[in-house]
PDB file of N, CA and C in Angstrom:
ATOM      1  N   MET A   1       0.842  -1.225   0.073  1.00  0.00           N
ATOM      2  CA  MET A   1      -0.174  -0.157   0.132  1.00  0.00           C
ATOM      3  C   MET A   1       0.853   1.356   0.249  1.00  0.00           C
ATOM      4  N   GLU A   2       0.807   2.178  -0.910  1.00  0.00           N
ATOM      5  CA  GLU A   2       1.344   3.539  -0.927  1.00  0.00           C
ATOM      6  C   GLU A   2       0.986   4.824  -0.681  1.00  0.00           C
ATOM      7  N   ILE A   3       0.828   5.258   0.444  1.00  0.00           N
ATOM      8  CA  ILE A   3       0.564   6.412   1.036  1.00  0.00           C
ATOM      9  C   ILE A   3       1.248   7.860   0.674  1.00  0.00           C
ATOM     10  N   GLN A   4       0.584   8.674   0.132  1.00  0.00           N
ATOM     11  CA  GLN A   4       1.207   9.852  -0.342  1.00  0.00           C
ATOM     12  C   GLN A   4       0.663  11.401   0.582  1.00  0.00           C
ATOM     13  N   LEU A   5       1.432  11.628   0.919  1.00  0.00           N
ATOM     14  CA  LEU A   5       1.312  12.702   1.930  1.00  0.00           C
ATOM     15  C   LEU A   5       1.457  13.652   1.135  1.00  0.00           C
ATOM     16  N   CYS A   6       0.507  15.124   1.035  1.00  0.00           N
ATOM     17  CA  CYS A   6       0.093  16.066   0.304  1.00  0.00           C
ATOM     18  C   CYS A   6       0.553  17.382   0.860  1.00  0.00           C
ATOM     19  N   MET A   7       1.467  18.105   0.869  1.00  0.00           N
ATOM     20  CA  MET A   7       2.041  19.423   1.621  1.00  0.00           C
ATOM     21  C   MET A   7       1.287  20.580   0.890  1.00  0.00           C
ATOM     22  N   ARG A   8       0.683  21.490   1.359  1.00  0.00           N
ATOM     23  CA  ARG A   8       0.056  22.555   1.030  1.00  0.00           C
ATOM     24  C   ARG A   8       1.640  23.724   0.715  1.00  0.00           C
ATOM     25  N   THR A   9       1.562  24.364  -0.025  1.00  0.00           N
ATOM     26  CA  THR A   9       2.900  24.905  -0.658  1.00  0.00           C
ATOM     27  C   THR A   9       2.197  26.288  -0.857  1.00  0.00           C
ATOM     28  N   THR A  10       2.586  27.483   0.273  1.00  0.00           N
ATOM     29  CA  THR A  10       2.357  28.636   0.267  1.00  0.00           C
ATOM     30  C   THR A  10       2.426  29.441  -0.962  1.00  0.00           C
ATOM     31  N   ALA A  11       1.410  29.921  -1.904  1.00  0.00           N
ATOM     32  CA  ALA A  11       1.834  30.805  -3.007  1.00  0.00           C
ATOM     33  C   ALA A  11       2.198  32.412  -2.540  1.00  0.00           C
ATOM     34  N   MET A  12       3.177  32.784  -2.334  1.00  0.00           N
ATOM     35  CA  MET A  12       3.132  34.433  -2.362  1.00  0.00           C
ATOM     36  C   MET A  12       4.279  34.683  -3.324  1.00  0.00           C
ATOM     37  N   LEU A  13       3.545  36.107  -3.378  1.00  0.00           N
ATOM     38  CA  LEU A  13       3.776  37.393  -4.007  1.00  0.00           C
ATOM     39  C   LEU A  13       4.069  38.733  -3.571  1.00  0.00           C
ATOM     40  N   ILE A  14       5.285  39.246  -3.507  1.00  0.00           N
ATOM     41  CA  ILE A  14       5.177  40.465  -3.435  1.00  0.00           C
ATOM     42  C   ILE A  14       5.912  41.668  -4.637  1.00  0.00           C
ATOM     43  N   SER A  15       5.368  42.623  -4.174  1.00  0.00           N
ATOM     44  CA  SER A  15       5.711  43.532  -5.298  1.00  0.00           C
ATOM     45  C   SER A  15       5.593  45.067  -4.437  1.00  0.00           C
ATOM     46  N   CYS A  16       6.574  45.948  -5.259  1.00  0.00           N
ATOM     47  CA  CYS A  16       6.555  47.353  -5.049  1.00  0.00           C
ATOM     48  C   CYS A  16       6.954  48.198  -6.060  1.00  0.00           C
ATOM     49  N   ARG A  17       6.784  49.325  -5.787  1.00  0.00           N
ATOM     50  CA  ARG A  17       6.851  50.838  -6.594  1.00  0.00           C
ATOM     51  C   ARG A  17       8.214  51.443  -6.151  1.00  0.00           C
ATOM     52  N   THR A  18       9.344  51.377  -6.308  1.00  0.00           N
ATOM     53  CA  THR A  18      10.446  52.095  -6.254  1.00  0.00           C
ATOM     54  C   THR A  18      10.562  53.562  -6.391  1.00  0.00           C
ATOM     55  N   GLN A  19      11.216  54.598  -5.727  1.00  0.00           N
ATOM     56  CA  GLN A  19      10.945  55.657  -5.853  1.00  0.00           C
ATOM     57  C   GLN A  19      10.916  56.344  -7.320  1.00  0.00           C
ATOM     58  N   SER A  20      11.958  55.946  -8.222  1.00  0.00           N
ATOM     59  CA  SER A  20      11.935  55.673  -9.663  1.00  0.00           C
ATOM     60  C   SER A  20      11.086  55.567 -10.381  1.00  0.00           C
ATOM     61  N   GLY A  21       9.724  55.097  -9.863  1.00  0.00           N
ATOM     62  CA  GLY A  21       8.530  54.182 -10.239  1.00  0.00           C
ATOM     63  C   GLY A  21       8.433  52.649 -10.588  1.00  0.00           C
ATOM     64  N   THR A  22       9.471  52.617 -10.522  1.00  0.00           N
ATOM     65  CA  THR A  22       9.669  51.118 -11.395  1.00  0.00           C
ATOM     66  C   THR A  22       9.266  49.899 -10.434  1.00  0.00           C
ATOM     67  N   LEU A  23       8.281  49.396 -11.091  1.00  0.00           N
ATOM     68  CA  LEU A  23       7.594  48.296 -10.072  1.00  0.00           C
ATOM     69  C   LEU A  23       8.521  46.923 -10.356  1.00  0.00           C
ATOM     70  N   HIS A  24       8.426  46.208  -9.192  1.00  0.00           N
ATOM     71  CA  HIS A  24       9.284  45.093  -8.737  1.00  0.00           C
ATOM     72  C   HIS A  24       8.001  44.158  -8.206  1.00  0.00           C
ATOM     73  N   SER A  25       8.265  42.954  -8.742  1.00  0.00           N
ATOM     74  CA  SER A  25       7.424  41.605  -7.973  1.00  0.00           C
ATOM     75  C   SER A  25       8.014  40.531  -8.389  1.00  0.00           C
ATOM     76  N   HIS A  26       8.073  39.727  -7.948  1.00  0.00           N
ATOM     77  CA  HIS A  26       8.720  38.796  -7.189  1.00  0.00           C
ATOM     78  C   HIS A  26       7.981  37.409  -6.365  1.00  0.00           C
ATOM     79  N   GLU A  27       7.845  36.334  -6.993  1.00  0.00           N
ATOM     80  CA  GLU A  27       7.394  34.762  -6.079  1.00  0.00           C
ATOM     81  C   GLU A  27       8.272  34.632  -5.349  1.00  0.00           C
ATOM     82  N   ILE A  28       7.882  34.625  -3.905  1.00  0.00           N
ATOM     83  CA  ILE A  28       8.578  34.051  -2.409  1.00  0.00           C
ATOM     84  C   ILE A  28       8.341  32.610  -2.295  1.00  0.00           C
ATOM     85  N   ASN A  29       9.236  31.965  -1.936  1.00  0.00           N
ATOM     86  CA  ASN A  29       9.364  30.674  -1.308  1.00  0.00           C
ATOM     87  C   ASN A  29       9.926  30.481  -0.443  1.00  0.00           C
ATOM     88  N   SER A  30      10.512  31.701   0.597  1.00  0.00           N
ATOM     89  CA  SER A  30      11.164  31.413   1.705  1.00  0.00           C
ATOM     90  C   SER A  30      11.739  32.441   1.931  1.00  0.00           C
ATOM     91  N   ILE A  31      11.863  32.379   3.396  1.00  0.00           N
ATOM     92  CA  ILE A  31      12.352  33.537   4.239  1.00  0.00           C
ATOM     93  C   ILE A  31      13.591  34.267   3.934  1.00  0.00           C
ATOM     94  N   GLU A  32      14.483  33.933   3.411  1.00  0.00           N
ATOM     95  CA  GLU A  32      15.749  34.417   2.930  1.00  0.00           C
ATOM     96  C   GLU A  32      15.533  35.294   1.560  1.00  0.00           C
ATOM     97  N   ARG A  33      14.223  34.411   0.647  1.00  0.00           N
ATOM     98  CA  ARG A  33      13.905  35.306  -0.153  1.00  0.00           C
ATOM     99  C   ARG A  33      12.996  36.556   0.071  1.00  0.00           C
ATOM    100  N   LEU A  34      12.468  36.489   0.800  1.00  0.00           N
ATOM    101  CA  LEU A  34      11.634  37.959   1.474  1.00  0.00           C
ATOM    102  C   LEU A  34      12.597  38.662   1.825  1.00  0.00           C
ATOM    103  N   THR A  35      13.641  38.810   2.876  1.00  0.00           N
ATOM    104  CA  THR A  35      14.544  39.286   3.363  1.00  0.00           C
ATOM    105  C   THR A  35      15.512  39.785   2.069  1.00  0.00           C
ATOM    106  N   ASP A  36      15.805  39.137   1.084  1.00  0.00           N
ATOM    107  CA  ASP A  36      16.494  39.855  -0.050  1.00  0.00           C
ATOM    108  C   ASP A  36      15.758  40.587  -0.876  1.00  0.00           C
ATOM    109  N   PHE A  37      14.613  40.287  -1.225  1.00  0.00           N
ATOM    110  CA  PHE A  37      13.781  40.863  -1.614  1.00  0.00           C
ATOM    111  C   PHE A  37      13.664  42.541  -1.145  1.00  0.00           C
ATOM    112  N   LEU A  38      13.575  42.609   0.270  1.00  0.00           N
ATOM    113  CA  LEU A  38      12.934  43.915   1.045  1.00  0.00           C
ATOM    114  C   LEU A  38      14.230  44.266   1.099  1.00  0.00           C
ATOM    115  N   ASN A  39      15.476  43.824   1.536  1.00  0.00           N
ATOM    116  CA  ASN A  39      16.820  44.858   1.003  1.00  0.00           C
ATOM    117  C   ASN A  39      17.209  45.379  -0.101  1.00  0.00           C
ATOM    118  N   PHE A  40      17.019  44.560  -1.279  1.00  0.00           N
ATOM    119  CA  PHE A  40      17.483  44.630  -2.378  1.00  0.00           C
ATOM    120  C   PHE A  40      16.211  46.077  -2.671  1.00  0.00           C
ATOM    121  N   TYR A  41      15.044  45.910  -3.007  1.00  0.00           N
ATOM    122  CA  TYR A  41      14.088  47.027  -3.695  1.00  0.00           C
ATOM    123  C   TYR A  41      13.661  48.203  -2.048  1.00  0.00           C
ATOM    124  N   GLN A  42      14.146  49.108  -1.920  1.00  0.00           N
ATOM    125  CA  GLN A  42      14.098  49.822  -0.999  1.00  0.00           C
ATOM    126  C   GLN A  42      12.821  50.657  -1.278  1.00  0.00           C
ATOM    127  N   ALA A  43      11.290  50.513  -0.702  1.00  0.00           N
ATOM    128  CA  ALA A  43      10.384  51.487  -1.233  1.00  0.00           C
ATOM    129  C   ALA A  43       9.546  51.908   0.261  1.00  0.00           C
ATOM    130  N   LEU A  44       8.546  52.757   0.035  1.00  0.00           N
ATOM    131  CA  LEU A  44       7.820  53.174   0.561  1.00  0.00           C
ATOM    132  C   LEU A  44       6.865  52.012   1.692  1.00  0.00           C
ATOM    133  N   ASP A  45       6.190  51.383   0.441  1.00  0.00           N
ATOM    134  CA  ASP A  45       5.519  50.227   0.953  1.00  0.00           C
ATOM    135  C   ASP A  45       5.323  49.306  -0.111  1.00  0.00           C
ATOM    136  N   TYR A  46       5.219  47.831   0.352  1.00  0.00           N
ATOM    137  CA  TYR A  46       5.390  46.731  -0.429  1.00  0.00           C
ATOM    138  C   TYR A  46       3.313  45.894  -0.686  1.00  0.00           C
ATOM    139  N   ASP A  47       3.031  45.369  -1.589  1.00  0.00           N
ATOM    140  CA  ASP A  47       1.743  44.544  -1.615  1.00  0.00           C
ATOM    141  C   ASP A  47       2.551  43.363  -1.514  1.00  0.00           C
ATOM    142  N   LEU A  48       2.012  42.255  -0.313  1.00  0.00           N
ATOM    143  CA  LEU A  48       2.022  41.082  -0.285  1.00  0.00           C
ATOM    144  C   LEU A  48       1.001  40.420  -0.421  1.00  0.00           C
ATOM    145  N   GLN A  49       1.315  39.072  -1.652  1.00  0.00           N
ATOM    146  CA  GLN A  49      -0.460  38.668  -1.831  1.00  0.00           C
ATOM    147  C   GLN A  49      -0.140  37.106  -1.209  1.00  0.00           C
ATOM    148  N   ILE A  50      -0.774  36.414  -0.215  1.00  0.00           N
ATOM    149  CA  ILE A  50      -0.488  35.353   0.417  1.00  0.00           C
ATOM    150  C   ILE A  50      -1.677  34.359   0.143  1.00  0.00           C
ATOM    151  N   ASN A  51      -1.598  33.378  -0.780  1.00  0.00           N
ATOM    152  CA  ASN A  51      -2.782  32.353  -1.165  1.00  0.00           C
ATOM    153  C   ASN A  51      -3.957  33.369  -1.976  1.00  0.00           C
ATOM    154  N   GLN A  52      -3.858  34.359  -2.605  1.00  0.00           N
ATOM    155  CA  GLN A  52      -4.738  35.223  -2.741  1.00  0.00           C
ATOM    156  C   GLN A  52      -5.512  36.257  -2.069  1.00  0.00           C
ATOM    157  N   VAL A  53      -4.741  35.872  -0.876  1.00  0.00           N
ATOM    158  CA  VAL A  53      -4.967  37.603   0.379  1.00  0.00           C
ATOM    159  C   VAL A  53      -4.070  38.424   0.098  1.00  0.00           C
ATOM    160  N   GLN A  54      -4.860  39.623  -0.204  1.00  0.00           N
ATOM    161  CA  GLN A  54      -3.880  40.458  -0.393  1.00  0.00           C
ATOM    162  C   GLN A  54      -3.241  41.543   0.913  1.00  0.00           C
ATOM    163  N   TYR A  55      -2.324  41.575   1.416  1.00  0.00           N
ATOM    164  CA  TYR A  55      -1.821  42.321   2.491  1.00  0.00           C
ATOM    165  C   TYR A  55      -1.095  43.948   1.591  1.00  0.00           C
ATOM    166  N   ARG A  56      -1.156  44.890   2.680  1.00  0.00           N
ATOM    167  CA  ARG A  56      -0.287  45.940   2.615  1.00  0.00           C
ATOM    168  C   ARG A  56       0.743  45.871   3.672  1.00  0.00           C
ATOM    169  N   PHE A  57       1.979  45.778   3.218  1.00  0.00           N
ATOM    170  CA  PHE A  57       3.415  45.966   3.926  1.00  0.00           C
ATOM    171  C   PHE A  57       4.422  47.292   4.017  1.00  0.00           C
ATOM    172  N   LYS A  58       4.384  47.524   5.090  1.00  0.00           N
ATOM    173  CA  LYS A  58       5.498  48.766   5.049  1.00  0.00           C
ATOM    174  C   LYS A  58       6.180  49.046   6.027  1.00  0.00           C
ATOM    175  N   GLN A  59       7.528  49.406   5.821  1.00  0.00           N
ATOM    176  CA  GLN A  59       8.241  49.113   6.982  1.00  0.00           C
ATOM    177  C   GLN A  59       8.278  50.653   7.823  1.00  0.00           C
ATOM    178  N   THR A  60       8.133  50.160   9.559  1.00  0.00           N
ATOM    179  CA  THR A  60       7.250  51.131  10.418  1.00  0.00           C
ATOM    180  C   THR A  60       8.518  51.520  11.129  1.00  0.00           C
ATOM    181  N   GLY A  61      10.093  51.185  11.191  1.00  0.00           N
ATOM    182  CA  GLY A  61      11.485  51.110  12.330  1.00  0.00           C
ATOM    183  C   GLY A  61      12.427  50.387  11.897  1.00  0.00           C
ATOM    184  N   ARG A  62      13.306  50.548  12.792  1.00  0.00           N
ATOM    185  CA  ARG A  62      14.097  49.581  12.599  1.00  0.00           C
ATOM    186  C   ARG A  62      14.685  48.946  14.005  1.00  0.00           C
ATOM    187  N   CYS A  63      15.552  47.302  13.925  1.00  0.00           N
ATOM    188  CA  CYS A  63      15.580  47.001  15.039  1.00  0.00           C
ATOM    189  C   CYS A  63      16.858  46.317  15.351  1.00  0.00           C
ATOM    190  N   GLY A  64      17.639  45.578  16.044  1.00  0.00           N
ATOM    191  CA  GLY A  64      18.610  45.133  16.150  1.00  0.00           C
ATOM    192  C   GLY A  64      18.438  43.903  14.802  1.00  0.00           C
ATOM    193  N   ARG A  65      19.658  43.136  14.325  1.00  0.00           N
ATOM    194  CA  ARG A  65      19.599  42.374  13.301  1.00  0.00           C
ATOM    195  C   ARG A  65      18.987  40.716  14.240  1.00  0.00           C
ATOM    196  N   LYS A  66      18.317  40.291  13.466  1.00  0.00           N
ATOM    197  CA  LYS A  66      17.317  39.005  13.827  1.00  0.00           C
ATOM    198  C   LYS A  66      18.381  37.998  12.878  1.00  0.00           C
ATOM    199  N   GLU A  67      18.338  37.027  13.677  1.00  0.00           N
ATOM    200  CA  GLU A  67      18.952  35.640  13.070  1.00  0.00           C
ATOM    201  C   GLU A  67      17.745  35.580  12.569  1.00  0.00           C
ATOM    202  N   PHE A  68      16.552  34.964  13.006  1.00  0.00           N
ATOM    203  CA  PHE A  68      15.269  34.707  12.131  1.00  0.00           C
ATOM    204  C   PHE A  68      14.118  35.623  12.537  1.00  0.00           C
ATOM    205  N   PRO A  69      13.541  35.908  11.370  1.00  0.00           N
ATOM    206  CA  PRO A  69      12.015  36.875  11.340  1.00  0.00           C
ATOM    207  C   PRO A  69      10.985  36.186  12.557  1.00  0.00           C
ATOM    208  N   LYS A  70      10.582  37.331  13.164  1.00  0.00           N
ATOM    209  CA  LYS A  70       9.351  36.665  14.295  1.00  0.00           C
ATOM    210  C   LYS A  70       8.141  37.823  13.611  1.00  0.00           C
ATOM    211  N   ILE A  71       6.911  37.275  13.582  1.00  0.00           N
ATOM    212  CA  ILE A  71       5.790  38.114  13.433  1.00  0.00           C
ATOM    213  C   ILE A  71       4.848  38.126  14.958  1.00  0.00           C
ATOM    214  N   ILE A  72       4.500  39.587  15.253  1.00  0.00           N
ATOM    215  CA  ILE A  72       4.000  39.900  16.701  1.00  0.00           C
ATOM    216  C   ILE A  72       2.473  40.388  16.075  1.00  0.00           C
ATOM    217  N   LEU A  73       1.306  39.666  16.600  1.00  0.00           N
ATOM    218  CA  LEU A  73      -0.217  40.085  16.634  1.00  0.00           C
ATOM    219  C   LEU A  73      -0.255  41.639  17.172  1.00  0.00           C
ATOM    220  N   GLU A  74      -1.574  42.836  16.560  1.00  0.00           N
ATOM    221  CA  GLU A  74      -1.542  43.884  17.217  1.00  0.00           C
ATOM    222  C   GLU A  74      -3.134  44.429  17.396  1.00  0.00           C
ATOM    223  N   LYS A  75      -3.403  43.979  18.638  1.00  0.00           N
ATOM    224  CA  LYS A  75      -4.777  44.400  18.662  1.00  0.00           C
ATOM    225  C   LYS A  75      -5.010  45.670  19.104  1.00  0.00           C
ATOM    226  N   SER A  76      -5.667  46.656  18.999  1.00  0.00           N
ATOM    227  CA  SER A  76      -6.142  48.065  19.844  1.00  0.00           C
ATOM    228  C   SER A  76      -5.235  48.820  19.939  1.00  0.00           C
ATOM    229  N   GLY A  77      -3.776  48.902  18.759  1.00  0.00           N
ATOM    230  CA  GLY A  77      -3.065  49.591  18.979  1.00  0.00           C
ATOM    231  C   GLY A  77      -2.071  49.009  20.046  1.00  0.00           C
ATOM    232  N   TYR A  78      -2.145  47.661  20.540  1.00  0.00           N
ATOM    233  CA  TYR A  78      -0.961  47.451  21.262  1.00  0.00           C
ATOM    234  C   TYR A  78      -0.512  45.676  20.743  1.00  0.00           C
ATOM    235  N   ALA A  79       1.111  45.758  20.770  1.00  0.00           N
ATOM    236  CA  ALA A  79       2.137  44.536  20.133  1.00  0.00           C
ATOM    237  C   ALA A  79       1.581  43.602  21.342  1.00  0.00           C
ATOM    238  N   LEU A  80       1.013  42.506  21.445  1.00  0.00           N
ATOM    239  CA  LEU A  80       0.544  41.258  22.209  1.00  0.00           C
ATOM    240  C   LEU A  80       1.848  40.587  22.168  1.00  0.00           C
ATOM    241  N   THR A  81       1.693  39.496  23.222  1.00  0.00           N
ATOM    242  CA  THR A  81       2.619  38.391  23.230  1.00  0.00           C
ATOM    243  C   THR A  81       2.524  37.533  22.430  1.00  0.00           C
ATOM    244  N   THR A  82       1.618  37.768  21.441  1.00  0.00           N
ATOM    245  CA  THR A  82       1.279  36.089  21.120  1.00  0.00           C
ATOM    246  C   THR A  82       2.228  36.901  19.594  1.00  0.00           C
ATOM    247  N   GLU A  83       3.315  36.145  19.363  1.00  0.00           N
ATOM    248  CA  GLU A  83       4.133  35.726  18.394  1.00  0.00           C
ATOM    249  C   GLU A  83       4.707  34.790  17.652  1.00  0.00           C
ATOM    250  N   LEU A  84       5.379  34.694  17.033  1.00  0.00           N
ATOM    251  CA  LEU A  84       6.434  33.528  16.548  1.00  0.00           C
ATOM    252  C   LEU A  84       7.603  33.605  15.580  1.00  0.00           C
ATOM    253  N   THR A  85       8.135  32.694  15.848  1.00  0.00           N
ATOM    254  CA  THR A  85       9.630  33.119  15.265  1.00  0.00           C
ATOM    255  C   THR A  85       8.933  32.185  13.890  1.00  0.00           C
ATOM    256  N   LEU A  86      10.177  32.782  12.501  1.00  0.00           N
ATOM    257  CA  LEU A  86       9.619  32.155  10.952  1.00  0.00           C
ATOM    258  C   LEU A  86      10.846  31.647  10.737  1.00  0.00           C
ATOM    259  N   THR A  87      10.474  30.378  10.547  1.00  0.00           N
ATOM    260  CA  THR A  87      11.584  29.533   9.876  1.00  0.00           C
ATOM    261  C   THR A  87      11.858  29.321   8.672  1.00  0.00           C
ATOM    262  N   GLN A  88      10.948  29.152   8.228  1.00  0.00           N
ATOM    263  CA  GLN A  88      10.106  28.985   7.007  1.00  0.00           C
ATOM    264  C   GLN A  88       8.809  29.785   6.612  1.00  0.00           C
ATOM    265  N   ILE A  89       8.913  29.916   5.178  1.00  0.00           N
ATOM    266  CA  ILE A  89       7.530  30.636   4.667  1.00  0.00           C
ATOM    267  C   ILE A  89       6.335  30.630   5.148  1.00  0.00           C
ATOM    268  N   SER A  90       5.697  29.324   4.943  1.00  0.00           N
ATOM    269  CA  SER A  90       5.092  28.439   5.450  1.00  0.00           C
ATOM    270  C   SER A  90       4.438  28.797   6.919  1.00  0.00           C
ATOM    271  N   ASP A  91       5.429  29.411   7.608  1.00  0.00           N
ATOM    272  CA  ASP A  91       5.064  29.797   9.256  1.00  0.00           C
ATOM    273  C   ASP A  91       4.084  30.530   9.313  1.00  0.00           C
ATOM    274  N   LEU A  92       4.726  31.847   8.462  1.00  0.00           N
ATOM    275  CA  LEU A  92       3.793  32.957   7.845  1.00  0.00           C
ATOM    276  C   LEU A  92       2.691  32.926   7.942  1.00  0.00           C
ATOM    277  N   GLU A  93       2.140  32.165   7.002  1.00  0.00           N
ATOM    278  CA  GLU A  93       0.726  31.811   6.607  1.00  0.00           C
ATOM    279  C   GLU A  93       0.164  31.225   7.665  1.00  0.00           C
ATOM    280  N   TYR A  94       0.485  30.261   8.256  1.00  0.00           N
ATOM    281  CA  TYR A  94       0.238  29.529   9.310  1.00  0.00           C
ATOM    282  C   TYR A  94      -0.283  30.634  10.289  1.00  0.00           C
ATOM    283  N   PHE A  95       0.471  31.210  10.936  1.00  0.00           N
ATOM    284  CA  PHE A  95       0.307  32.612  11.772  1.00  0.00           C
ATOM    285  C   PHE A  95      -0.902  33.139  11.315  1.00  0.00           C
ATOM    286  N   LEU A  96      -1.070  34.163  10.191  1.00  0.00           N
ATOM    287  CA  LEU A  96      -1.846  34.636   9.504  1.00  0.00           C
ATOM    288  C   LEU A  96      -3.258  33.961   9.657  1.00  0.00           C
ATOM    289  N   GLN A  97      -3.414  32.986   9.547  1.00  0.00           N
ATOM    290  CA  GLN A  97      -4.469  31.899   9.373  1.00  0.00           C
ATOM    291  C   GLN A  97      -5.293  31.848  11.191  1.00  0.00           C
ATOM    292  N   GLN A  98      -4.586  31.238  12.008  1.00  0.00           N
ATOM    293  CA  GLN A  98      -4.574  31.175  13.241  1.00  0.00           C
ATOM    294  C   GLN A  98      -4.445  32.451  13.875  1.00  0.00           C
ATOM    295  N   HIS A  99      -4.259  33.650  13.690  1.00  0.00           N
ATOM    296  CA  HIS A  99      -4.566  34.382  14.866  1.00  0.00           C
ATOM    297  C   HIS A  99      -5.307  35.841  13.580  1.00  0.00           C
ATOM    298  N   PRO A 100      -6.750  35.494  13.127  1.00  0.00           N
ATOM    299  CA  PRO A 100      -7.206  36.641  12.481  1.00  0.00           C
ATOM    300  C   PRO A 100      -7.002  37.882  12.459  1.00  0.00           C
ATOM    301  N   ALA A 101      -6.184  38.820  12.580  1.00  0.00           N
ATOM    302  CA  ALA A 101      -6.341  40.449  12.807  1.00  0.00           C
ATOM    303  C   ALA A 101      -5.848  41.506  11.727  1.00  0.00           C
ATOM    304  N   ASN A 102      -6.173  42.698  11.945  1.00  0.00           N
ATOM    305  CA  ASN A 102      -6.228  43.499  10.565  1.00  0.00           C
ATOM    306  C   ASN A 102      -4.811  43.953  10.804  1.00  0.00           C
ATOM    307  N   THR A 103      -3.541  43.898  11.811  1.00  0.00           N
ATOM    308  CA  THR A 103      -2.376  44.420  11.979  1.00  0.00           C
ATOM    309  C   THR A 103      -1.398  43.237  12.416  1.00  0.00           C
ATOM    310  N   TYR A 104      -0.291  43.279  12.021  1.00  0.00           N
ATOM    311  CA  TYR A 104       0.229  42.480  12.211  1.00  0.00           C
ATOM    312  C   TYR A 104       2.161  42.926  12.474  1.00  0.00           C
ATOM    313  N   TYR A 105       3.334  42.908  13.244  1.00  0.00           N
ATOM    314  CA  TYR A 105       4.324  43.424  13.207  1.00  0.00           C
ATOM    315  C   TYR A 105       5.287  42.467  12.863  1.00  0.00           C
ATOM    316  N   LEU A 106       6.440  42.442  12.057  1.00  0.00           N
ATOM    317  CA  LEU A 106       7.347  41.703  11.654  1.00  0.00           C
ATOM    318  C   LEU A 106       8.253  42.333  11.773  1.00  0.00           C
ATOM    319  N   GLU A 107       9.384  41.806  12.287  1.00  0.00           N
ATOM    320  CA  GLU A 107      10.669  41.981  12.519  1.00  0.00           C
ATOM    321  C   GLU A 107      11.955  40.826  11.483  1.00  0.00           C
ATOM    322  N   ILE A 108      12.219  41.975  10.593  1.00  0.00           N
ATOM    323  CA  ILE A 108      12.634  40.722   9.478  1.00  0.00           C
ATOM    324  C   ILE A 108      14.018  41.539   9.346  1.00  0.00           C
ATOM    325  N   ASP A 109      15.592  40.588   9.560  1.00  0.00           N
ATOM    326  CA  ASP A 109      16.612  41.114   9.450  1.00  0.00           C
ATOM    327  C   ASP A 109      16.738  42.363  10.024  1.00  0.00           C
ATOM    328  N   THR A 110      16.713  44.093   9.725  1.00  0.00           N
ATOM    329  CA  THR A 110      17.054  44.924  11.027  1.00  0.00           C
ATOM    330  C   THR A 110      15.846  45.763  10.710  1.00  0.00           C
ATOM    331  N   GLY A 111      15.201  45.726  10.080  1.00  0.00           N
ATOM    332  CA  GLY A 111      13.512  46.091   9.598  1.00  0.00           C
ATOM    333  C   GLY A 111      12.625  45.526  10.739  1.00  0.00           C
ATOM    334  N   ILE A 112      11.485  46.983  11.025  1.00  0.00           N
ATOM    335  CA  ILE A 112      10.460  46.625  11.316  1.00  0.00           C
ATOM    336  C   ILE A 112       9.547  46.719  10.367  1.00  0.00           C
ATOM    337  N   TYR A 113       8.328  46.133  10.402  1.00  0.00           N
ATOM    338  CA  TYR A 113       7.344  45.842   9.276  1.00  0.00           C
ATOM    339  C   TYR A 113       5.805  46.009   9.943  1.00  0.00           C
ATOM    340  N   GLN A 114       4.814  47.059   9.348  1.00  0.00           N
ATOM    341  CA  GLN A 114       3.435  46.394   9.321  1.00  0.00           C
ATOM    342  C   GLN A 114       3.131  45.887   8.669  1.00  0.00           C
ATOM    343  N   LEU A 115       2.610  44.718   8.908  1.00  0.00           N
ATOM    344  CA  LEU A 115       1.490  44.113   7.456  1.00  0.00           C
ATOM    345  C   LEU A 115      -0.166  44.301   8.301  1.00  0.00           C
ATOM    346  N   SER A 116      -0.611  44.915   7.210  1.00  0.00           N
ATOM    347  CA  SER A 116      -2.453  45.042   7.314  1.00  0.00           C
ATOM    348  C   SER A 116      -2.974  44.302   5.932  1.00  0.00           C
ATOM    349  N   ASN A 117      -4.297  43.914   6.554  1.00  0.00           N
ATOM    350  CA  ASN A 117      -5.550  44.087   5.265  1.00  0.00           C
ATOM    351  C   ASN A 117      -6.170  44.326   5.434  1.00  0.00           C
TER     352      ASN A 117
END
């Protein structure tokens, strides 16, 4: 008897318009690719699509360098202790599904980003 495991893959697309007006868009399949995109394309805000759900993604501050990105839930203007260290890109989708909210914060590399839908 053969058993097949079906792993769900996260389809993630990030895009931004740089200050020069050029539109950049890439499929993201790892935390490293997300970090590379954010570091390479400096923009005021980004559009992030995760499995057909649109999010606005913008840098709001700086932090000390993080070995692994972290996502934090915000409710009523306060960051809650509900957080998750992101070791793979599917962790982001999992957190968003498990903790529905309008606003999240991500600490990625040395940036703090607000994620909202």
